Amino acid sequence: MNYQYNTGVRYGNLGDGEGQSADPSILSTWLGSAVISCRYYTPDVAGHGTLLTSGWRLAGGWGLIEMDNLDGTWKINDFTFGTSSALYYAMHTSHPILAYHA
């Protein structure tokens, strides 16, 4: 499983505090009828990266997926949901945000 420490999924809505944890099976309810697309990403910065994705059937329709590189494998750290503009602003770091092209 590619979740931080294999303990579950950490998620929340932007601005609602620290969020909550759930069993990874919650992803199947999120993805049931959704079509998720990666729109932007930040390059690896000291073992950390982010993806800004659209198509979620959750608040705002957009999701920021934060990942850590542990032992050479990307692990999802958490999901933050909200609007595209708010999440785009939230993913700013000292490195560029790049458009994702599949």
N, C-alpha and C. Protein backbone atom coordinates (compact mmCIF):
# COMPACT_ATOMS: atom_id res chain seq x y z
N MET A 1 0.85 -1.19 0.00
CA MET A 1 0.00 0.00 0.00
C MET A 1 0.88 1.24 0.00
N ASN A 2 0.48 2.21 -0.75
CA ASN A 2 1.30 3.41 -0.89
C ASN A 2 0.75 4.58 -0.09
N TYR A 3 0.50 4.34 1.19
CA TYR A 3 0.07 5.40 2.10
C TYR A 3 1.12 5.53 3.19
N GLN A 4 1.22 6.72 3.73
CA GLN A 4 2.25 6.97 4.73
C GLN A 4 2.18 5.94 5.86
N TYR A 5 3.27 5.23 6.03
CA TYR A 5 3.41 4.24 7.10
C TYR A 5 2.36 3.14 7.01
N ASN A 6 1.65 3.02 5.90
CA ASN A 6 0.63 1.98 5.70
C ASN A 6 -0.43 1.96 6.79
N THR A 7 -0.75 3.12 7.36
CA THR A 7 -1.72 3.15 8.45
C THR A 7 -3.09 3.65 8.03
N GLY A 8 -3.22 4.19 6.86
CA GLY A 8 -4.52 4.69 6.43
C GLY A 8 -4.41 5.97 5.64
N VAL A 9 -5.56 6.50 5.31
CA VAL A 9 -5.64 7.70 4.49
C VAL A 9 -5.93 8.90 5.40
N ARG A 10 -5.15 9.94 5.24
CA ARG A 10 -5.35 11.18 5.98
C ARG A 10 -5.95 12.18 4.99
N TYR A 11 -7.06 12.85 5.37
CA TYR A 11 -7.72 13.75 4.43
C TYR A 11 -8.50 14.84 5.16
N GLY A 12 -8.85 15.87 4.41
CA GLY A 12 -9.68 16.94 4.95
C GLY A 12 -9.95 17.98 3.88
N ASN A 13 -10.80 18.94 4.22
CA ASN A 13 -11.09 20.06 3.34
C ASN A 13 -10.19 21.23 3.73
N LEU A 14 -9.68 21.94 2.74
CA LEU A 14 -8.80 23.06 3.01
C LEU A 14 -9.47 24.05 3.94
N GLY A 15 -8.78 24.41 5.01
CA GLY A 15 -9.29 25.38 5.96
C GLY A 15 -10.10 24.81 7.10
N ASP A 16 -10.29 23.49 7.12
CA ASP A 16 -11.10 22.86 8.17
C ASP A 16 -10.28 22.22 9.28
N GLY A 17 -9.06 22.64 9.47
CA GLY A 17 -8.24 22.08 10.54
C GLY A 17 -7.34 20.96 10.07
N GLU A 18 -7.01 20.07 10.98
CA GLU A 18 -6.02 19.03 10.71
C GLU A 18 -6.54 17.84 9.92
N GLY A 19 -7.81 17.73 9.70
CA GLY A 19 -8.36 16.62 8.93
C GLY A 19 -8.59 15.40 9.78
N GLN A 20 -8.75 14.27 9.11
CA GLN A 20 -9.05 13.03 9.82
C GLN A 20 -8.40 11.86 9.09
N SER A 21 -8.38 10.72 9.75
CA SER A 21 -7.82 9.50 9.16
C SER A 21 -8.94 8.50 8.91
N ALA A 22 -8.74 7.66 7.90
CA ALA A 22 -9.72 6.62 7.58
C ALA A 22 -8.99 5.43 6.98
N ASP A 23 -9.67 4.32 6.93
CA ASP A 23 -9.14 3.12 6.30
C ASP A 23 -8.99 3.39 4.80
N PRO A 24 -7.96 2.85 4.15
CA PRO A 24 -7.78 3.08 2.72
C PRO A 24 -8.97 2.68 1.86
N SER A 25 -9.87 1.85 2.36
CA SER A 25 -11.04 1.47 1.57
C SER A 25 -11.93 2.67 1.25
N ILE A 26 -11.74 3.78 1.96
CA ILE A 26 -12.54 4.98 1.68
C ILE A 26 -12.29 5.48 0.26
N LEU A 27 -11.11 5.18 -0.29
CA LEU A 27 -10.81 5.61 -1.66
C LEU A 27 -11.80 5.03 -2.67
N SER A 28 -12.28 3.84 -2.44
CA SER A 28 -13.23 3.26 -3.40
C SER A 28 -14.53 4.05 -3.43
N THR A 29 -14.95 4.62 -2.31
CA THR A 29 -16.16 5.45 -2.32
C THR A 29 -15.89 6.78 -3.01
N TRP A 30 -14.68 7.32 -2.84
CA TRP A 30 -14.34 8.58 -3.50
C TRP A 30 -14.25 8.40 -5.00
N LEU A 31 -13.73 7.26 -5.44
CA LEU A 31 -13.45 7.05 -6.85
C LEU A 31 -14.57 6.36 -7.60
N GLY A 32 -15.64 5.95 -6.91
CA GLY A 32 -16.72 5.20 -7.50
C GLY A 32 -17.14 5.67 -8.88
N SER A 33 -17.50 6.91 -9.03
CA SER A 33 -17.94 7.43 -10.33
C SER A 33 -17.12 8.64 -10.76
N ALA A 34 -16.00 8.84 -10.11
CA ALA A 34 -15.16 10.00 -10.42
C ALA A 34 -14.17 9.68 -11.54
N VAL A 35 -13.76 10.70 -12.25
CA VAL A 35 -12.71 10.59 -13.26
C VAL A 35 -11.64 11.60 -12.85
N ILE A 36 -10.60 11.10 -12.22
CA ILE A 36 -9.56 11.96 -11.65
C ILE A 36 -8.48 12.23 -12.70
N SER A 37 -8.09 13.51 -12.79
CA SER A 37 -7.03 13.92 -13.71
C SER A 37 -6.00 14.74 -12.97
N CYS A 38 -4.73 14.44 -13.20
CA CYS A 38 -3.66 15.25 -12.65
C CYS A 38 -3.52 16.50 -13.51
N ARG A 39 -3.52 17.67 -12.88
CA ARG A 39 -3.43 18.93 -13.63
C ARG A 39 -2.09 19.64 -13.43
N TYR A 40 -1.57 19.64 -12.20
CA TYR A 40 -0.31 20.31 -11.87
C TYR A 40 0.47 19.45 -10.88
N TYR A 41 1.78 19.67 -10.82
CA TYR A 41 2.59 18.97 -9.84
C TYR A 41 3.78 19.85 -9.45
N THR A 42 4.35 19.55 -8.32
CA THR A 42 5.61 20.20 -7.93
C THR A 42 6.68 19.12 -7.99
N PRO A 43 7.87 19.50 -8.45
CA PRO A 43 8.95 18.52 -8.52
C PRO A 43 9.35 18.06 -7.11
N ASP A 44 10.07 16.96 -7.07
CA ASP A 44 10.59 16.42 -5.81
C ASP A 44 11.44 17.48 -5.12
N VAL A 45 11.05 17.85 -3.90
CA VAL A 45 11.80 18.80 -3.08
C VAL A 45 12.12 18.10 -1.77
N ALA A 46 13.36 17.65 -1.63
CA ALA A 46 13.80 16.97 -0.41
C ALA A 46 12.87 15.82 -0.04
N GLY A 47 12.44 15.04 -1.04
CA GLY A 47 11.61 13.88 -0.78
C GLY A 47 10.14 14.17 -0.61
N HIS A 48 9.70 15.35 -1.05
CA HIS A 48 8.29 15.72 -0.92
C HIS A 48 7.80 16.28 -2.24
N GLY A 49 6.57 15.94 -2.62
CA GLY A 49 5.97 16.47 -3.84
C GLY A 49 4.47 16.56 -3.70
N THR A 50 3.85 17.33 -4.60
CA THR A 50 2.39 17.48 -4.57
C THR A 50 1.82 17.34 -5.97
N LEU A 51 0.57 16.86 -6.03
CA LEU A 51 -0.19 16.77 -7.27
C LEU A 51 -1.50 17.51 -7.06
N LEU A 52 -1.89 18.36 -8.01
CA LEU A 52 -3.19 19.01 -7.97
C LEU A 52 -4.07 18.30 -8.99
N THR A 53 -5.15 17.70 -8.51
CA THR A 53 -5.99 16.85 -9.34
C THR A 53 -7.42 17.36 -9.38
N SER A 54 -8.12 17.06 -10.47
CA SER A 54 -9.52 17.46 -10.61
C SER A 54 -10.38 16.21 -10.81
N GLY A 55 -11.69 16.39 -10.69
CA GLY A 55 -12.63 15.31 -10.96
C GLY A 55 -13.17 14.60 -9.73
N TRP A 56 -12.81 15.06 -8.55
CA TRP A 56 -13.28 14.42 -7.32
C TRP A 56 -14.75 14.74 -7.08
N ARG A 57 -15.47 13.81 -6.50
CA ARG A 57 -16.88 14.01 -6.13
C ARG A 57 -16.97 14.42 -4.67
N LEU A 58 -16.05 15.30 -4.27
CA LEU A 58 -15.98 15.81 -2.90
C LEU A 58 -15.96 17.33 -2.96
N ALA A 59 -16.00 17.97 -1.80
CA ALA A 59 -16.07 19.43 -1.70
C ALA A 59 -15.10 20.14 -2.64
N GLY A 60 -15.62 20.96 -3.51
CA GLY A 60 -14.80 21.74 -4.42
C GLY A 60 -14.41 21.03 -5.69
N GLY A 61 -14.44 19.70 -5.71
CA GLY A 61 -14.13 18.94 -6.91
C GLY A 61 -12.65 18.78 -7.22
N TRP A 62 -11.80 19.40 -6.43
CA TRP A 62 -10.35 19.33 -6.65
C TRP A 62 -9.68 18.73 -5.43
N GLY A 63 -8.54 18.07 -5.66
CA GLY A 63 -7.79 17.45 -4.56
C GLY A 63 -6.30 17.70 -4.69
N LEU A 64 -5.69 18.06 -3.59
CA LEU A 64 -4.24 18.21 -3.52
C LEU A 64 -3.71 16.96 -2.84
N ILE A 65 -2.89 16.20 -3.54
CA ILE A 65 -2.33 14.97 -3.01
C ILE A 65 -0.87 15.24 -2.65
N GLU A 66 -0.55 15.10 -1.38
CA GLU A 66 0.82 15.32 -0.92
C GLU A 66 1.49 13.97 -0.74
N MET A 67 2.75 13.89 -1.21
CA MET A 67 3.47 12.62 -1.19
C MET A 67 4.87 12.80 -0.61
N ASP A 68 5.36 11.74 0.01
CA ASP A 68 6.73 11.69 0.51
C ASP A 68 7.43 10.52 -0.17
N ASN A 69 8.71 10.70 -0.45
CA ASN A 69 9.51 9.63 -1.03
C ASN A 69 10.24 8.92 0.10
N LEU A 70 9.78 7.70 0.42
CA LEU A 70 10.38 6.91 1.48
C LEU A 70 11.03 5.67 0.88
N ASP A 71 12.32 5.54 1.05
CA ASP A 71 13.06 4.39 0.53
C ASP A 71 12.85 4.19 -0.96
N GLY A 72 12.80 5.30 -1.70
CA GLY A 72 12.69 5.24 -3.15
C GLY A 72 11.29 5.01 -3.70
N THR A 73 10.28 5.00 -2.83
CA THR A 73 8.90 4.80 -3.26
C THR A 73 8.05 5.98 -2.82
N TRP A 74 7.24 6.49 -3.74
CA TRP A 74 6.35 7.59 -3.38
C TRP A 74 5.21 7.04 -2.53
N LYS A 75 4.98 7.66 -1.40
CA LYS A 75 3.89 7.30 -0.48
C LYS A 75 2.97 8.50 -0.36
N ILE A 76 1.68 8.26 -0.46
CA ILE A 76 0.73 9.36 -0.28
C ILE A 76 0.69 9.73 1.19
N ASN A 77 0.92 11.01 1.45
CA ASN A 77 0.91 11.52 2.82
C ASN A 77 -0.50 11.92 3.21
N ASP A 78 -1.16 12.71 2.37
CA ASP A 78 -2.55 13.05 2.64
C ASP A 78 -3.24 13.69 1.44
N PHE A 79 -4.56 13.80 1.57
CA PHE A 79 -5.41 14.42 0.55
C PHE A 79 -6.05 15.65 1.17
N THR A 80 -6.04 16.75 0.42
CA THR A 80 -6.75 17.96 0.83
C THR A 80 -7.70 18.33 -0.30
N PHE A 81 -8.96 18.55 0.03
CA PHE A 81 -9.96 18.85 -1.00
C PHE A 81 -10.40 20.30 -0.90
N GLY A 82 -10.80 20.86 -2.04
CA GLY A 82 -11.27 22.24 -2.08
C GLY A 82 -11.42 22.71 -3.51
N THR A 83 -11.35 24.04 -3.70
CA THR A 83 -11.47 24.62 -5.04
C THR A 83 -10.11 24.68 -5.72
N SER A 84 -10.11 24.77 -7.03
CA SER A 84 -8.85 24.79 -7.78
C SER A 84 -7.97 25.96 -7.38
N SER A 85 -8.54 27.16 -7.27
CA SER A 85 -7.71 28.33 -6.96
C SER A 85 -7.12 28.26 -5.56
N ALA A 86 -7.90 27.81 -4.59
CA ALA A 86 -7.39 27.73 -3.21
C ALA A 86 -6.30 26.67 -3.09
N LEU A 87 -6.49 25.52 -3.73
CA LEU A 87 -5.49 24.46 -3.64
C LEU A 87 -4.24 24.80 -4.44
N TYR A 88 -4.39 25.48 -5.56
CA TYR A 88 -3.23 25.91 -6.34
C TYR A 88 -2.37 26.84 -5.49
N TYR A 89 -3.00 27.77 -4.81
CA TYR A 89 -2.28 28.69 -3.93
C TYR A 89 -1.62 27.92 -2.78
N ALA A 90 -2.29 26.91 -2.25
CA ALA A 90 -1.77 26.14 -1.12
C ALA A 90 -0.55 25.31 -1.49
N MET A 91 -0.39 24.97 -2.74
CA MET A 91 0.74 24.12 -3.12
C MET A 91 2.01 24.89 -3.44
N HIS A 92 1.99 26.21 -3.32
CA HIS A 92 3.19 27.00 -3.60
C HIS A 92 4.31 26.68 -2.62
N THR A 93 5.48 26.46 -3.17
CA THR A 93 6.70 26.24 -2.40
C THR A 93 7.77 27.11 -3.01
N SER A 94 8.99 26.87 -2.66
CA SER A 94 10.08 27.63 -3.26
C SER A 94 10.43 27.10 -4.65
N HIS A 95 9.75 26.06 -5.10
CA HIS A 95 9.99 25.48 -6.42
C HIS A 95 8.76 25.67 -7.30
N PRO A 96 8.91 25.58 -8.60
CA PRO A 96 7.79 25.88 -9.50
C PRO A 96 6.68 24.85 -9.46
N ILE A 97 5.49 25.32 -9.83
CA ILE A 97 4.34 24.44 -10.06
C ILE A 97 4.28 24.22 -11.57
N LEU A 98 4.27 22.98 -11.98
CA LEU A 98 4.34 22.65 -13.40
C LEU A 98 3.03 22.04 -13.87
N ALA A 99 2.65 22.37 -15.10
CA ALA A 99 1.47 21.75 -15.70
C ALA A 99 1.79 20.30 -16.02
N TYR A 100 0.87 19.40 -15.72
CA TYR A 100 1.08 17.98 -15.99
C TYR A 100 0.56 17.66 -17.38
N HIS A 101 1.38 16.99 -18.16
CA HIS A 101 0.98 16.55 -19.50
C HIS A 101 1.18 15.05 -19.57
N ALA A 102 0.09 14.32 -19.74
CA ALA A 102 0.19 12.84 -19.80
C ALA A 102 0.72 12.37 -21.11
